[in-house]
C-alpha atoms as a PDB file:
ATOM      1  CA  MET A   1     -30.915  16.413 -11.478  1.00  0.00           C
ATOM      2  CA  SER A   2     -28.366  13.771 -12.496  1.00  0.00           C
ATOM      3  CA  ARG A   3     -25.634  12.540 -10.154  1.00  0.00           C
ATOM      4  CA  ILE A   4     -23.058  14.286 -12.358  1.00  0.00           C
ATOM      5  CA  LYS A   5     -24.835  17.645 -12.167  1.00  0.00           C
ATOM      6  CA  THR A   6     -25.472  17.237  -8.430  1.00  0.00           C
ATOM      7  CA  THR A   7     -21.806  16.459  -7.777  1.00  0.00           C
ATOM      8  CA  PHE A   8     -20.539  19.423  -9.784  1.00  0.00           C
ATOM      9  CA  LYS A   9     -23.080  21.716  -8.098  1.00  0.00           C
ATOM     10  CA  GLY A  10     -21.960  20.649  -4.623  1.00  0.00           C
ATOM     11  CA  LEU A  11     -18.280  21.031  -5.483  1.00  0.00           C
ATOM     12  CA  ALA A  12     -18.863  24.475  -7.014  1.00  0.00           C
ATOM     13  CA  GLU A  13     -20.637  25.619  -3.855  1.00  0.00           C
ATOM     14  CA  ASP A  14     -17.595  24.512  -1.877  1.00  0.00           C
ATOM     15  CA  LYS A  15     -15.246  26.076  -4.460  1.00  0.00           C
ATOM     16  CA  LYS A  16     -13.634  22.710  -5.160  1.00  0.00           C
ATOM     17  CA  THR A  17     -12.487  20.946  -8.312  1.00  0.00           C
ATOM     18  CA  ALA A  18     -13.689  17.432  -9.137  1.00  0.00           C
ATOM     19  CA  LEU A  19     -11.187  14.581  -9.247  1.00  0.00           C
ATOM     20  CA  ILE A  20     -12.107  12.023 -11.930  1.00  0.00           C
ATOM     21  CA  PRO A  21      -9.839   8.964 -12.142  1.00  0.00           C
ATOM     22  CA  PHE A  22      -9.965   6.526 -15.051  1.00  0.00           C
ATOM     23  CA  ILE A  23      -9.509   2.775 -14.956  1.00  0.00           C
ATOM     24  CA  THR A  24     -10.263   0.058 -17.507  1.00  0.00           C
ATOM     25  CA  ALA A  25     -12.904  -2.498 -16.545  1.00  0.00           C
ATOM     26  CA  GLY A  26     -11.368  -5.933 -16.065  1.00  0.00           C
ATOM     27  CA  ASP A  27      -7.812  -4.678 -15.548  1.00  0.00           C
ATOM     28  CA  PRO A  28      -5.796  -6.253 -14.023  1.00  0.00           C
ATOM     29  CA  HIS A  29      -8.546  -8.834 -13.377  1.00  0.00           C
ATOM     30  CA  PRO A  30     -12.366  -8.703 -13.303  1.00  0.00           C
ATOM     31  CA  ASP A  31     -12.352  -9.630  -9.612  1.00  0.00           C
ATOM     32  CA  MET A  32     -10.408  -6.429  -8.837  1.00  0.00           C
ATOM     33  CA  THR A  33     -12.520  -3.865 -10.713  1.00  0.00           C
ATOM     34  CA  VAL A  34     -15.240  -3.278  -8.123  1.00  0.00           C
ATOM     35  CA  LYS A  35     -12.630  -3.234  -5.330  1.00  0.00           C
ATOM     36  CA  LEU A  36     -10.679  -0.620  -7.276  1.00  0.00           C
ATOM     37  CA  LEU A  37     -13.800   1.484  -7.849  1.00  0.00           C
ATOM     38  CA  HIS A  38     -14.506   1.552  -4.107  1.00  0.00           C
ATOM     39  CA  ALA A  39     -10.845   2.286  -3.359  1.00  0.00           C
ATOM     40  CA  LEU A  40     -10.908   5.251  -5.734  1.00  0.00           C
ATOM     41  CA  VAL A  41     -13.966   6.688  -3.968  1.00  0.00           C
ATOM     42  CA  GLU A  42     -12.483   6.084  -0.514  1.00  0.00           C
ATOM     43  CA  SER A  43      -9.337   7.975  -1.486  1.00  0.00           C
ATOM     44  CA  GLY A  44     -10.930  11.037  -3.043  1.00  0.00           C
ATOM     45  CA  ALA A  45     -12.635  10.351  -6.377  1.00  0.00           C
ATOM     46  CA  ASP A  46     -15.669  12.569  -6.964  1.00  0.00           C
ATOM     47  CA  MET A  47     -16.659  10.678 -10.126  1.00  0.00           C
ATOM     48  CA  ILE A  48     -15.119   7.736 -11.986  1.00  0.00           C
ATOM     49  CA  GLU A  49     -14.493   7.207 -15.672  1.00  0.00           C
ATOM     50  CA  LEU A  50     -14.637   3.487 -16.448  1.00  0.00           C
ATOM     51  CA  GLY A  51     -13.185   2.314 -19.738  1.00  0.00           C
ATOM     52  CA  ILE A  52     -14.919  -0.326 -21.839  1.00  0.00           C
ATOM     53  CA  PRO A  53     -12.127  -2.605 -23.143  1.00  0.00           C
ATOM     54  CA  PHE A  54     -11.741  -2.386 -26.912  1.00  0.00           C
ATOM     55  CA  SER A  55      -9.328  -3.963 -29.370  1.00  0.00           C
ATOM     56  CA  ASP A  56      -8.518  -0.715 -31.217  1.00  0.00           C
ATOM     57  CA  PRO A  57      -8.603   2.162 -28.697  1.00  0.00           C
ATOM     58  CA  MET A  58      -7.409   4.884 -31.056  1.00  0.00           C
ATOM     59  CA  ALA A  59      -7.507   7.770 -28.573  1.00  0.00           C
ATOM     60  CA  ASP A  60      -5.522   5.906 -25.954  1.00  0.00           C
ATOM     61  CA  GLY A  61      -1.774   5.711 -25.582  1.00  0.00           C
ATOM     62  CA  PRO A  62       0.278   2.564 -24.913  1.00  0.00           C
ATOM     63  CA  VAL A  63      -0.499   2.369 -21.181  1.00  0.00           C
ATOM     64  CA  ILE A  64      -4.273   2.250 -21.610  1.00  0.00           C
ATOM     65  CA  GLN A  65      -3.961   0.117 -24.751  1.00  0.00           C
ATOM     66  CA  ARG A  66      -2.192  -2.510 -22.661  1.00  0.00           C
ATOM     67  CA  ALA A  67      -4.948  -2.269 -20.048  1.00  0.00           C
ATOM     68  CA  SER A  68      -7.535  -3.031 -22.732  1.00  0.00           C
ATOM     69  CA  GLU A  69      -5.470  -5.985 -23.903  1.00  0.00           C
ATOM     70  CA  ARG A  70      -5.292  -7.387 -20.364  1.00  0.00           C
ATOM     71  CA  ALA A  71      -9.034  -6.907 -19.865  1.00  0.00           C
ATOM     72  CA  LEU A  72      -9.924  -8.534 -23.185  1.00  0.00           C
ATOM     73  CA  ALA A  73      -7.656 -11.463 -22.308  1.00  0.00           C
ATOM     74  CA  ASN A  74      -9.821 -11.763 -19.171  1.00  0.00           C
ATOM     75  CA  ASN A  75     -12.927 -11.898 -21.434  1.00  0.00           C
ATOM     76  CA  VAL A  76     -14.203  -8.510 -20.267  1.00  0.00           C
ATOM     77  CA  GLY A  77     -16.141  -6.614 -22.914  1.00  0.00           C
ATOM     78  CA  ILE A  78     -19.079  -4.251 -22.941  1.00  0.00           C
ATOM     79  CA  ASN A  79     -21.611  -6.516 -21.211  1.00  0.00           C
ATOM     80  CA  LYS A  80     -19.270  -7.526 -18.398  1.00  0.00           C
ATOM     81  CA  THR A  81     -18.317  -3.872 -17.918  1.00  0.00           C
ATOM     82  CA  ILE A  82     -21.971  -2.997 -17.412  1.00  0.00           C
ATOM     83  CA  ASN A  83     -22.354  -5.871 -14.949  1.00  0.00           C
ATOM     84  CA  LEU A  84     -19.352  -4.586 -12.971  1.00  0.00           C
ATOM     85  CA  VAL A  85     -21.093  -1.207 -12.618  1.00  0.00           C
ATOM     86  CA  LYS A  86     -24.157  -3.079 -11.341  1.00  0.00           C
ATOM     87  CA  ASP A  87     -22.014  -4.789  -8.712  1.00  0.00           C
ATOM     88  CA  PHE A  88     -20.479  -1.452  -7.667  1.00  0.00           C
ATOM     89  CA  ARG A  89     -23.941   0.071  -7.265  1.00  0.00           C
ATOM     90  CA  LYS A  90     -24.881  -2.531  -4.635  1.00  0.00           C
ATOM     91  CA  ASP A  91     -22.770  -0.562  -2.144  1.00  0.00           C
ATOM     92  CA  ASN A  92     -22.450   2.870  -3.752  1.00  0.00           C
ATOM     93  CA  THR A  93     -25.442   4.787  -5.073  1.00  0.00           C
ATOM     94  CA  HIS A  94     -23.971   8.295  -5.032  1.00  0.00           C
ATOM     95  CA  THR A  95     -20.703   8.375  -7.016  1.00  0.00           C
ATOM     96  CA  PRO A  96     -21.232   9.165 -10.723  1.00  0.00           C
ATOM     97  CA  ILE A  97     -19.912   6.542 -13.151  1.00  0.00           C
ATOM     98  CA  ILE A  98     -19.054   7.632 -16.687  1.00  0.00           C
ATOM     99  CA  LEU A  99     -18.425   4.917 -19.259  1.00  0.00           C
ATOM    100  CA  MET A 100     -15.731   5.689 -21.827  1.00  0.00           C
ATOM    101  CA  GLY A 101     -15.642   3.668 -25.019  1.00  0.00           C
ATOM    102  CA  TYR A 102     -15.915   3.427 -28.768  1.00  0.00           C
ATOM    103  CA  ALA A 103     -18.824   3.136 -31.182  1.00  0.00           C
ATOM    104  CA  ASN A 104     -18.130  -0.389 -32.435  1.00  0.00           C
ATOM    105  CA  PRO A 105     -19.112  -2.340 -29.287  1.00  0.00           C
ATOM    106  CA  ILE A 106     -22.145  -0.102 -28.754  1.00  0.00           C
ATOM    107  CA  GLU A 107     -23.332  -0.587 -32.323  1.00  0.00           C
ATOM    108  CA  ALA A 108     -22.731  -4.333 -31.983  1.00  0.00           C
ATOM    109  CA  ILE A 109     -25.257  -4.694 -29.160  1.00  0.00           C
ATOM    110  CA  GLY A 110     -27.536  -1.924 -30.475  1.00  0.00           C
ATOM    111  CA  LEU A 111     -28.145   1.600 -29.189  1.00  0.00           C
ATOM    112  CA  ILE A 112     -31.464   0.836 -27.492  1.00  0.00           C
ATOM    113  CA  ASN A 113     -30.118  -2.279 -25.786  1.00  0.00           C
ATOM    114  CA  PHE A 114     -26.980  -0.428 -24.650  1.00  0.00           C
ATOM    115  CA  VAL A 115     -28.842   2.540 -23.181  1.00  0.00           C
ATOM    116  CA  ASP A 116     -31.412   0.304 -21.491  1.00  0.00           C
ATOM    117  CA  SER A 117     -28.643  -1.840 -19.971  1.00  0.00           C
ATOM    118  CA  ILE A 118     -26.564   1.059 -18.631  1.00  0.00           C
ATOM    119  CA  LYS A 119     -29.678   2.751 -17.244  1.00  0.00           C
ATOM    120  CA  LYS A 120     -30.509  -0.372 -15.235  1.00  0.00           C
ATOM    121  CA  ALA A 121     -26.886  -0.687 -14.098  1.00  0.00           C
ATOM    122  CA  GLY A 122     -26.729   2.877 -12.756  1.00  0.00           C
ATOM    123  CA  VAL A 123     -24.415   4.537 -15.287  1.00  0.00           C
ATOM    124  CA  ASP A 124     -24.558   8.344 -15.233  1.00  0.00           C
ATOM    125  CA  GLY A 125     -22.716   9.407 -18.390  1.00  0.00           C
ATOM    126  CA  VAL A 126     -21.134   8.140 -21.583  1.00  0.00           C
ATOM    127  CA  ILE A 127     -18.073   9.277 -23.543  1.00  0.00           C
ATOM    128  CA  THR A 128     -17.937   7.747 -27.019  1.00  0.00           C
ATOM    129  CA  VAL A 129     -14.669   8.852 -28.565  1.00  0.00           C
ATOM    130  CA  ASP A 130     -15.478   8.149 -32.213  1.00  0.00           C
ATOM    131  CA  TYR A 131     -19.122   9.287 -32.393  1.00  0.00           C
ATOM    132  CA  PRO A 132     -18.931  12.684 -34.130  1.00  0.00           C
ATOM    133  CA  PRO A 133     -21.731  15.099 -33.243  1.00  0.00           C
ATOM    134  CA  GLU A 134     -23.123  14.873 -36.782  1.00  0.00           C
ATOM    135  CA  GLU A 135     -23.877  11.183 -36.202  1.00  0.00           C
ATOM    136  CA  SER A 136     -24.796  11.269 -32.515  1.00  0.00           C
ATOM    137  CA  LYS A 137     -28.277  12.779 -32.459  1.00  0.00           C
ATOM    138  CA  GLU A 138     -30.192   9.506 -32.080  1.00  0.00           C
ATOM    139  CA  PHE A 139     -27.762   8.258 -29.434  1.00  0.00           C
ATOM    140  CA  VAL A 140     -27.788  11.527 -27.488  1.00  0.00           C
ATOM    141  CA  SER A 141     -31.603  11.607 -27.563  1.00  0.00           C
ATOM    142  CA  LEU A 142     -31.798   8.067 -26.190  1.00  0.00           C
ATOM    143  CA  LEU A 143     -29.368   8.972 -23.404  1.00  0.00           C
ATOM    144  CA  LEU A 144     -31.271  12.130 -22.477  1.00  0.00           C
ATOM    145  CA  GLU A 145     -34.587  10.237 -22.402  1.00  0.00           C
ATOM    146  CA  ASN A 146     -33.005   7.988 -19.785  1.00  0.00           C
ATOM    147  CA  ASP A 147     -31.374  10.790 -17.739  1.00  0.00           C
ATOM    148  CA  ILE A 148     -27.863   9.775 -18.815  1.00  0.00           C
ATOM    149  CA  ASP A 149     -25.402  12.506 -19.727  1.00  0.00           C
ATOM    150  CA  SER A 150     -23.573  12.586 -23.041  1.00  0.00           C
ATOM    151  CA  VAL A 151     -20.024  13.858 -22.553  1.00  0.00           C
ATOM    152  CA  PHE A 152     -18.099  15.058 -25.601  1.00  0.00           C
ATOM    153  CA  LEU A 153     -14.402  15.672 -26.132  1.00  0.00           C
ATOM    154  CA  LEU A 154     -12.925  18.954 -27.334  1.00  0.00           C
ATOM    155  CA  SER A 155      -9.307  19.173 -28.474  1.00  0.00           C
ATOM    156  CA  PRO A 156      -6.737  21.978 -28.873  1.00  0.00           C
ATOM    157  CA  THR A 157      -7.538  22.031 -32.596  1.00  0.00           C
ATOM    158  CA  THR A 158     -11.348  22.207 -32.283  1.00  0.00           C
ATOM    159  CA  GLU A 159     -12.508  25.393 -34.007  1.00  0.00           C
ATOM    160  CA  ASP A 160     -15.198  27.662 -32.610  1.00  0.00           C
ATOM    161  CA  ASP A 161     -17.977  26.629 -34.998  1.00  0.00           C
ATOM    162  CA  ARG A 162     -17.401  22.979 -34.102  1.00  0.00           C
ATOM    163  CA  ILE A 163     -17.238  23.788 -30.391  1.00  0.00           C
ATOM    164  CA  GLN A 164     -20.743  25.197 -30.730  1.00  0.00           C
ATOM    165  CA  LEU A 165     -21.948  22.127 -32.658  1.00  0.00           C
ATOM    166  CA  ILE A 166     -20.629  19.810 -29.945  1.00  0.00           C
ATOM    167  CA  ILE A 167     -21.886  21.879 -27.026  1.00  0.00           C
ATOM    168  CA  ASP A 168     -25.379  21.921 -28.523  1.00  0.00           C
ATOM    169  CA  GLN A 169     -25.505  18.157 -27.838  1.00  0.00           C
ATOM    170  CA  ALA A 170     -23.383  17.869 -24.701  1.00  0.00           C
ATOM    171  CA  THR A 171     -24.735  17.428 -21.186  1.00  0.00           C
ATOM    172  CA  GLY A 172     -23.069  16.787 -17.827  1.00  0.00           C
ATOM    173  CA  PHE A 173     -19.721  18.392 -18.597  1.00  0.00           C
ATOM    174  CA  ILE A 174     -17.264  19.077 -21.396  1.00  0.00           C
ATOM    175  CA  TYR A 175     -14.066  17.029 -21.537  1.00  0.00           C
ATOM    176  CA  TYR A 176     -11.210  19.153 -22.847  1.00  0.00           C
ATOM    177  CA  VAL A 177      -8.302  17.105 -24.190  1.00  0.00           C
ATOM    178  CA  SER A 178      -5.240  19.031 -23.053  1.00  0.00           C
ATOM    179  CA  LEU A 179      -2.851  17.972 -25.804  1.00  0.00           C
ATOM    180  CA  LYS A 180      -2.627  16.833 -29.394  1.00  0.00           C
ATOM    181  CA  GLY A 181      -2.245  13.069 -29.541  1.00  0.00           C
ATOM    182  CA  VAL A 182      -3.248  10.109 -27.407  1.00  0.00           C
ATOM    183  CA  THR A 183      -3.608   9.744 -23.638  1.00  0.00           C
ATOM    184  CA  GLY A 184      -0.424  10.217 -21.625  1.00  0.00           C
ATOM    185  CA  SER A 185       1.622  11.176 -24.658  1.00  0.00           C
ATOM    186  CA  ALA A 186       3.133  14.543 -23.671  1.00  0.00           C
ATOM    187  CA  ASN A 187       3.468  17.244 -21.052  1.00  0.00           C
ATOM    188  CA  ILE A 188       0.683  19.789 -20.756  1.00  0.00           C
ATOM    189  CA  ASP A 189       1.160  23.401 -21.851  1.00  0.00           C
ATOM    190  CA  ILE A 190      -0.721  25.000 -18.948  1.00  0.00           C
ATOM    191  CA  GLU A 191      -0.920  28.449 -20.534  1.00  0.00           C
ATOM    192  CA  GLN A 192      -2.460  26.995 -23.689  1.00  0.00           C
ATOM    193  CA  VAL A 193      -4.911  24.905 -21.659  1.00  0.00           C
ATOM    194  CA  ASN A 194      -5.967  27.983 -19.696  1.00  0.00           C
ATOM    195  CA  GLU A 195      -6.529  29.940 -22.895  1.00  0.00           C
ATOM    196  CA  ARG A 196      -8.531  27.148 -24.539  1.00  0.00           C
ATOM    197  CA  VAL A 197     -10.656  26.386 -21.480  1.00  0.00           C
ATOM    198  CA  ASN A 198     -11.545  30.074 -21.162  1.00  0.00           C
ATOM    199  CA  ASN A 199     -12.548  30.042 -24.829  1.00  0.00           C
ATOM    200  CA  VAL A 200     -14.783  26.983 -24.324  1.00  0.00           C
ATOM    201  CA  ARG A 201     -16.488  28.752 -21.423  1.00  0.00           C
ATOM    202  CA  LYS A 202     -17.633  31.486 -23.804  1.00  0.00           C
ATOM    203  CA  PHE A 203     -19.919  28.885 -25.395  1.00  0.00           C
ATOM    204  CA  THR A 204     -21.320  27.027 -22.379  1.00  0.00           C
ATOM    205  CA  LYS A 205     -22.091  27.083 -18.673  1.00  0.00           C
ATOM    206  CA  LEU A 206     -21.390  23.367 -18.418  1.00  0.00           C
ATOM    207  CA  PRO A 207     -18.418  22.407 -16.220  1.00  0.00           C
ATOM    208  CA  VAL A 208     -15.168  21.804 -18.106  1.00  0.00           C
ATOM    209  CA  GLY A 209     -12.931  18.871 -17.195  1.00  0.00           C
ATOM    210  CA  VAL A 210      -9.342  18.538 -18.414  1.00  0.00           C
ATOM    211  CA  GLY A 211      -7.472  15.289 -19.053  1.00  0.00           C
ATOM    212  CA  PHE A 212      -5.054  13.388 -21.348  1.00  0.00           C
ATOM    213  CA  GLY A 213      -1.806  14.553 -19.741  1.00  0.00           C
ATOM    214  CA  VAL A 214      -2.158  14.857 -15.972  1.00  0.00           C
ATOM    215  CA  ARG A 215       0.661  12.643 -14.775  1.00  0.00           C
ATOM    216  CA  ASP A 216       1.678  14.025 -11.370  1.00  0.00           C
ATOM    217  CA  ALA A 217       0.444  16.062  -8.418  1.00  0.00           C
ATOM    218  CA  LYS A 218       2.067  19.273  -9.670  1.00  0.00           C
ATOM    219  CA  THR A 219       0.203  19.108 -12.991  1.00  0.00           C
ATOM    220  CA  ALA A 220      -3.030  18.161 -11.231  1.00  0.00           C
ATOM    221  CA  LYS A 221      -2.735  21.266  -9.043  1.00  0.00           C
ATOM    222  CA  GLU A 222      -2.103  23.510 -12.067  1.00  0.00           C
ATOM    223  CA  VAL A 223      -5.054  22.057 -13.973  1.00  0.00           C
ATOM    224  CA  ALA A 224      -7.326  22.341 -10.926  1.00  0.00           C
ATOM    225  CA  ALA A 225      -6.759  26.101 -10.909  1.00  0.00           C
ATOM    226  CA  ILE A 226      -8.127  26.257 -14.463  1.00  0.00           C
ATOM    227  CA  ALA A 227     -10.764  23.552 -14.796  1.00  0.00           C
ATOM    228  CA  ASP A 228     -13.866  22.292 -12.985  1.00  0.00           C
ATOM    229  CA  ALA A 229     -12.534  18.725 -13.060  1.00  0.00           C
ATOM    230  CA  VAL A 230      -9.157  17.007 -13.329  1.00  0.00           C
ATOM    231  CA  VAL A 231      -9.233  13.686 -15.180  1.00  0.00           C
ATOM    232  CA  ILE A 232      -6.356  11.290 -14.476  1.00  0.00           C
ATOM    233  CA  GLY A 233      -6.046   8.141 -16.552  1.00  0.00           C
ATOM    234  CA  SER A 234      -2.702   6.831 -17.772  1.00  0.00           C
ATOM    235  CA  ARG A 235      -0.908   7.542 -14.493  1.00  0.00           C
ATOM    236  CA  ILE A 236      -3.420   5.463 -12.532  1.00  0.00           C
ATOM    237  CA  VAL A 237      -3.492   2.667 -15.105  1.00  0.00           C
ATOM    238  CA  LEU A 238       0.320   2.553 -15.035  1.00  0.00           C
ATOM    239  CA  GLU A 239       0.183   2.149 -11.248  1.00  0.00           C
ATOM    240  CA  ILE A 240      -2.212  -0.766 -11.726  1.00  0.00           C
ATOM    241  CA  GLU A 241       0.146  -2.324 -14.259  1.00  0.00           C
ATOM    242  CA  GLN A 242       3.189  -1.989 -12.000  1.00  0.00           C
ATOM    243  CA  SER A 243       1.536  -3.195  -8.782  1.00  0.00           C
ATOM    244  CA  ASN A 244       1.067  -6.769  -7.684  1.00  0.00           C
ATOM    245  CA  LYS A 245      -2.131  -8.206  -6.244  1.00  0.00           C
ATOM    246  CA  ASP A 246      -1.054  -7.572  -2.653  1.00  0.00           C
ATOM    247  CA  THR A 247       0.026  -3.941  -3.097  1.00  0.00           C
ATOM    248  CA  LEU A 248      -2.450  -2.767  -5.749  1.00  0.00           C
ATOM    249  CA  ILE A 249      -5.201  -1.256  -3.602  1.00  0.00           C
ATOM    250  CA  ASP A 250      -2.797   0.490  -1.221  1.00  0.00           C
ATOM    251  CA  ASN A 251      -0.744   1.895  -4.098  1.00  0.00           C
ATOM    252  CA  ILE A 252      -3.822   3.259  -5.855  1.00  0.00           C
ATOM    253  CA  LYS A 253      -5.131   4.840  -2.659  1.00  0.00           C
ATOM    254  CA  LYS A 254      -1.761   6.490  -2.002  1.00  0.00           C
ATOM    255  CA  LEU A 255      -1.594   7.903  -5.536  1.00  0.00           C
ATOM    256  CA  MET A 256      -5.167   9.164  -5.382  1.00  0.00           C
ATOM    257  CA  ARG A 257      -4.614  10.890  -2.047  1.00  0.00           C
ATOM    258  CA  GLU A 258      -1.551  12.650  -3.472  1.00  0.00           C
ATOM    259  CA  MET A 259      -3.660  13.918  -6.380  1.00  0.00           C
ATOM    260  CA  LYS A 260      -6.570  14.879  -4.131  1.00  0.00           C
ATOM    261  CA  ASN A 261      -4.345  16.825  -1.761  1.00  0.00           C
ATOM    262  CA  ALA A 262      -2.755  18.615  -4.721  1.00  0.00           C
ATOM    263  CA  ILE A 263      -6.000  19.806  -6.286  1.00  0.00           C
ATOM    264  CA  GLU A 264      -7.397  20.961  -2.943  1.00  0.00           C
END
């Protein structure tokens, strides 16, 4: 059983919702990424979504776009991101790490090379925003052969026949995008999210995580009552952007504890 499945199973037995923070590898500096990963775990993260910096992150709003720009300016790309996971695994072998990225960098280094590299590094899952299910079969098969979960996004506009198509290939959990648009772009309509998540559950027994609009403890608490996981990205990345080197870790821990307390 994968780390992702094991974590969700344990949380379900305790009737708890997973907290999944997102940060971009290399932001604000490569030397801080592993420290931030450990800080996230220490302050309540059940899993971590780690962004691979990319020059054209189409699903991400301005906050995470700027994070990618800072990371790329620090010469952090796909290979350095994988190496940072390796460094994290020296001291943490239990927290699931899910890489979030785009097809271009993966295609550039080759599917087989990518999957082999992340397997050795200790990655547990992959979200590739712009790999549609029709073109993902080879990639998903490679991931499954290496016990790595393939996590797909569903949106408010995803129709039932496409939900089924995506779920047929998904493992680990389903990531429901709570709003139309990019990350951090609007307030969540909780009633609509509840309705859509319940509809997704008609098609699968996989856990359902919700993200793309959780910006405060109140929203996190509301989402936790609906979903199996709360994904928080832009709010954390904004805290990174607004903190200096001396206050960064403490500020992130404080924010995470607020979110953790809210969802529990």
